[in-house]
Amino acid sequence: MKIYLDTNFLKEAAKKKIDYQEEIGNLMNQGYELLVPETAIKELKKLSKGRGKENLAASLALKILSKNKLKIVKTKKIPDDFLKENINPEDLVASMDSQLLKIIKNKKITIGKNKKIKVN
């Protein structure tokens, strides 16, 4: 199974200091692979420029990604479009984007108010 992580999920996990790799691993009862669209990394790089909380969260998300060495999926499409068009029914999407999550029929991974990752 593939689990695709989008920009805002990575940023939110960094902001809340959540080890998404470990928490997702604890939730899954089968083999999986974490993937990140290449354009999500580009979005994080763009967002990391500046001095606000969101900028710092994006910068931290990039540092965590470089340590975790997740598989990068090559694409020119923005992450939302890539996810809408390229995921298989058995794949999961990790996102905090409510509009994207409404469109995608797959199971979703989100971060709850209690800073816990959950599968919906």
C-alpha atoms as a PDB file:
ATOM      1  CA  MET A   1       0.000   0.000   0.000  1.00  0.00           C
ATOM      2  CA  LYS A   2       1.146   3.534  -0.725  1.00  0.00           C
ATOM      3  CA  ILE A   3       0.554   6.466   1.581  1.00  0.00           C
ATOM      4  CA  TYR A   4       0.907   9.884  -0.043  1.00  0.00           C
ATOM      5  CA  LEU A   5       1.821  12.822   2.200  1.00  0.00           C
ATOM      6  CA  ASP A   6       0.796  16.281   1.047  1.00  0.00           C
ATOM      7  CA  THR A   7       2.265  19.668   1.852  1.00  0.00           C
ATOM      8  CA  ASN A   8      -0.063  20.743   4.621  1.00  0.00           C
ATOM      9  CA  PHE A   9       0.114  17.382   6.396  1.00  0.00           C
ATOM     10  CA  LEU A  10       3.922  17.595   6.508  1.00  0.00           C
ATOM     11  CA  LYS A  11       3.776  21.194   7.687  1.00  0.00           C
ATOM     12  CA  GLU A  12       1.176  20.464  10.384  1.00  0.00           C
ATOM     13  CA  ALA A  13       3.111  17.441  11.664  1.00  0.00           C
ATOM     14  CA  ALA A  14       6.229  19.599  11.943  1.00  0.00           C
ATOM     15  CA  LYS A  15       4.327  22.389  13.684  1.00  0.00           C
ATOM     16  CA  LYS A  16       2.868  19.968  16.242  1.00  0.00           C
ATOM     17  CA  LYS A  17       6.138  18.044  16.593  1.00  0.00           C
ATOM     18  CA  ILE A  18       4.577  14.742  15.533  1.00  0.00           C
ATOM     19  CA  ASP A  19       6.746  11.861  14.340  1.00  0.00           C
ATOM     20  CA  TYR A  20       4.434  10.926  11.477  1.00  0.00           C
ATOM     21  CA  GLN A  21       6.631   8.058  10.352  1.00  0.00           C
ATOM     22  CA  GLU A  22       6.421   6.330  13.723  1.00  0.00           C
ATOM     23  CA  GLU A  23       2.734   7.082  14.287  1.00  0.00           C
ATOM     24  CA  ILE A  24       1.687   5.875  10.841  1.00  0.00           C
ATOM     25  CA  GLY A  25       3.782   2.758  11.407  1.00  0.00           C
ATOM     26  CA  ASN A  26       1.883   2.103  14.640  1.00  0.00           C
ATOM     27  CA  LEU A  27      -1.466   2.401  12.830  1.00  0.00           C
ATOM     28  CA  MET A  28      -0.747   0.136   9.876  1.00  0.00           C
ATOM     29  CA  ASN A  29      -1.160  -3.650  10.083  1.00  0.00           C
ATOM     30  CA  GLN A  30       0.341  -4.268   6.657  1.00  0.00           C
ATOM     31  CA  GLY A  31       3.285  -3.166   4.562  1.00  0.00           C
ATOM     32  CA  TYR A  32       3.231   0.377   3.262  1.00  0.00           C
ATOM     33  CA  GLU A  33       5.409   2.962   1.558  1.00  0.00           C
ATOM     34  CA  LEU A  34       5.406   6.678   2.362  1.00  0.00           C
ATOM     35  CA  LEU A  35       5.570   8.899  -0.724  1.00  0.00           C
ATOM     36  CA  VAL A  36       5.746  12.645  -1.273  1.00  0.00           C
ATOM     37  CA  PRO A  37       4.944  14.377  -4.575  1.00  0.00           C
ATOM     38  CA  GLU A  38       7.955  16.327  -5.794  1.00  0.00           C
ATOM     39  CA  THR A  39       5.839  19.470  -6.065  1.00  0.00           C
ATOM     40  CA  ALA A  40       4.945  19.238  -2.350  1.00  0.00           C
ATOM     41  CA  ILE A  41       8.636  19.655  -1.578  1.00  0.00           C
ATOM     42  CA  LYS A  42       8.773  22.638  -3.921  1.00  0.00           C
ATOM     43  CA  GLU A  43       5.780  24.156  -2.100  1.00  0.00           C
ATOM     44  CA  LEU A  44       7.502  23.632   1.262  1.00  0.00           C
ATOM     45  CA  LYS A  45      10.670  25.298  -0.038  1.00  0.00           C
ATOM     46  CA  LYS A  46       8.648  28.267  -1.227  1.00  0.00           C
ATOM     47  CA  LEU A  47       6.738  28.457   2.076  1.00  0.00           C
ATOM     48  CA  SER A  48       9.929  28.180   4.142  1.00  0.00           C
ATOM     49  CA  LYS A  49      11.138  31.590   2.996  1.00  0.00           C
ATOM     50  CA  GLY A  50      10.186  34.178   5.564  1.00  0.00           C
ATOM     51  CA  ARG A  51       9.901  34.520   9.327  1.00  0.00           C
ATOM     52  CA  GLY A  52       6.377  33.563  10.382  1.00  0.00           C
ATOM     53  CA  LYS A  53       5.151  30.405  12.141  1.00  0.00           C
ATOM     54  CA  GLU A  54       4.030  28.855   8.859  1.00  0.00           C
ATOM     55  CA  ASN A  55       7.434  29.568   7.321  1.00  0.00           C
ATOM     56  CA  LEU A  56       9.210  27.926  10.257  1.00  0.00           C
ATOM     57  CA  ALA A  57       6.893  24.897  10.095  1.00  0.00           C
ATOM     58  CA  ALA A  58       7.630  24.482   6.370  1.00  0.00           C
ATOM     59  CA  SER A  59      11.362  24.753   7.021  1.00  0.00           C
ATOM     60  CA  LEU A  60      11.182  22.152   9.788  1.00  0.00           C
ATOM     61  CA  ALA A  61       9.089  19.859   7.560  1.00  0.00           C
ATOM     62  CA  LEU A  62      11.857  19.999   4.937  1.00  0.00           C
ATOM     63  CA  LYS A  63      14.499  19.097   7.523  1.00  0.00           C
ATOM     64  CA  ILE A  64      12.422  16.154   8.732  1.00  0.00           C
ATOM     65  CA  LEU A  65      11.882  14.982   5.143  1.00  0.00           C
ATOM     66  CA  SER A  66      15.611  15.028   4.458  1.00  0.00           C
ATOM     67  CA  LYS A  67      16.245  12.872   7.559  1.00  0.00           C
ATOM     68  CA  ASN A  68      13.413  10.430   6.833  1.00  0.00           C
ATOM     69  CA  LYS A  69      14.443   9.901   3.209  1.00  0.00           C
ATOM     70  CA  LEU A  70      10.953   9.180   1.916  1.00  0.00           C
ATOM     71  CA  LYS A  71      10.348   8.248  -1.693  1.00  0.00           C
ATOM     72  CA  ILE A  72       9.798  11.312  -3.881  1.00  0.00           C
ATOM     73  CA  VAL A  73       7.298  10.926  -6.728  1.00  0.00           C
ATOM     74  CA  LYS A  74       8.226  12.907  -9.805  1.00  0.00           C
ATOM     75  CA  THR A  75       5.417  15.112 -11.081  1.00  0.00           C
ATOM     76  CA  LYS A  76       4.878  18.551 -12.518  1.00  0.00           C
ATOM     77  CA  LYS A  77       1.313  18.762 -11.196  1.00  0.00           C
ATOM     78  CA  ILE A  78       0.469  20.547  -7.975  1.00  0.00           C
ATOM     79  CA  PRO A  79       0.098  18.000  -5.153  1.00  0.00           C
ATOM     80  CA  ASP A  80      -3.715  18.183  -4.991  1.00  0.00           C
ATOM     81  CA  ASP A  81      -4.110  17.556  -8.725  1.00  0.00           C
ATOM     82  CA  PHE A  82      -1.534  14.775  -8.646  1.00  0.00           C
ATOM     83  CA  LEU A  83      -3.358  13.070  -5.772  1.00  0.00           C
ATOM     84  CA  LYS A  84      -6.793  13.429  -7.369  1.00  0.00           C
ATOM     85  CA  GLU A  85      -5.593  11.869 -10.613  1.00  0.00           C
ATOM     86  CA  ASN A  86      -2.936   9.295  -9.705  1.00  0.00           C
ATOM     87  CA  ILE A  87      -3.762   7.339  -6.586  1.00  0.00           C
ATOM     88  CA  ASN A  88      -5.161   3.826  -6.583  1.00  0.00           C
ATOM     89  CA  PRO A  89      -8.232   2.840  -4.523  1.00  0.00           C
ATOM     90  CA  GLU A  90      -6.122   0.956  -1.950  1.00  0.00           C
ATOM     91  CA  ASP A  91      -3.765   3.903  -1.368  1.00  0.00           C
ATOM     92  CA  LEU A  92      -4.115   6.381   1.497  1.00  0.00           C
ATOM     93  CA  VAL A  93      -3.729  10.152   1.478  1.00  0.00           C
ATOM     94  CA  ALA A  94      -2.302  12.042   4.460  1.00  0.00           C
ATOM     95  CA  SER A  95      -3.657  15.579   4.313  1.00  0.00           C
ATOM     96  CA  MET A  96      -5.150  18.374   6.366  1.00  0.00           C
ATOM     97  CA  ASP A  97      -6.848  19.927   3.304  1.00  0.00           C
ATOM     98  CA  SER A  98     -10.591  19.498   3.915  1.00  0.00           C
ATOM     99  CA  GLN A  99     -11.522  20.246   0.281  1.00  0.00           C
ATOM    100  CA  LEU A 100      -9.078  17.653  -1.037  1.00  0.00           C
ATOM    101  CA  LEU A 101     -10.263  15.095   1.507  1.00  0.00           C
ATOM    102  CA  LYS A 102     -13.898  15.590   0.396  1.00  0.00           C
ATOM    103  CA  ILE A 103     -12.989  14.864  -3.229  1.00  0.00           C
ATOM    104  CA  ILE A 104     -10.764  11.849  -2.649  1.00  0.00           C
ATOM    105  CA  LYS A 105     -12.710   8.676  -1.942  1.00  0.00           C
ATOM    106  CA  ASN A 106      -9.720   6.823  -0.464  1.00  0.00           C
ATOM    107  CA  LYS A 107      -9.020   6.350   3.218  1.00  0.00           C
ATOM    108  CA  LYS A 108      -7.430   9.398   4.727  1.00  0.00           C
ATOM    109  CA  ILE A 109      -4.821  10.059   7.376  1.00  0.00           C
ATOM    110  CA  THR A 110      -5.208  13.265   9.362  1.00  0.00           C
ATOM    111  CA  ILE A 111      -3.910  14.834  12.559  1.00  0.00           C
ATOM    112  CA  GLY A 112      -6.516  15.182  15.291  1.00  0.00           C
ATOM    113  CA  LYS A 113      -6.830  17.953  17.853  1.00  0.00           C
ATOM    114  CA  ASN A 114      -5.109  15.718  20.389  1.00  0.00           C
ATOM    115  CA  LYS A 115      -1.989  15.700  18.139  1.00  0.00           C
ATOM    116  CA  LYS A 116      -2.631  12.060  17.236  1.00  0.00           C
ATOM    117  CA  ILE A 117      -2.604  10.727  13.705  1.00  0.00           C
ATOM    118  CA  LYS A 118      -5.767   8.888  12.729  1.00  0.00           C
ATOM    119  CA  VAL A 119      -7.081   6.962   9.731  1.00  0.00           C
ATOM    120  CA  ASN A 120     -10.570   7.875   8.494  1.00  0.00           C
END
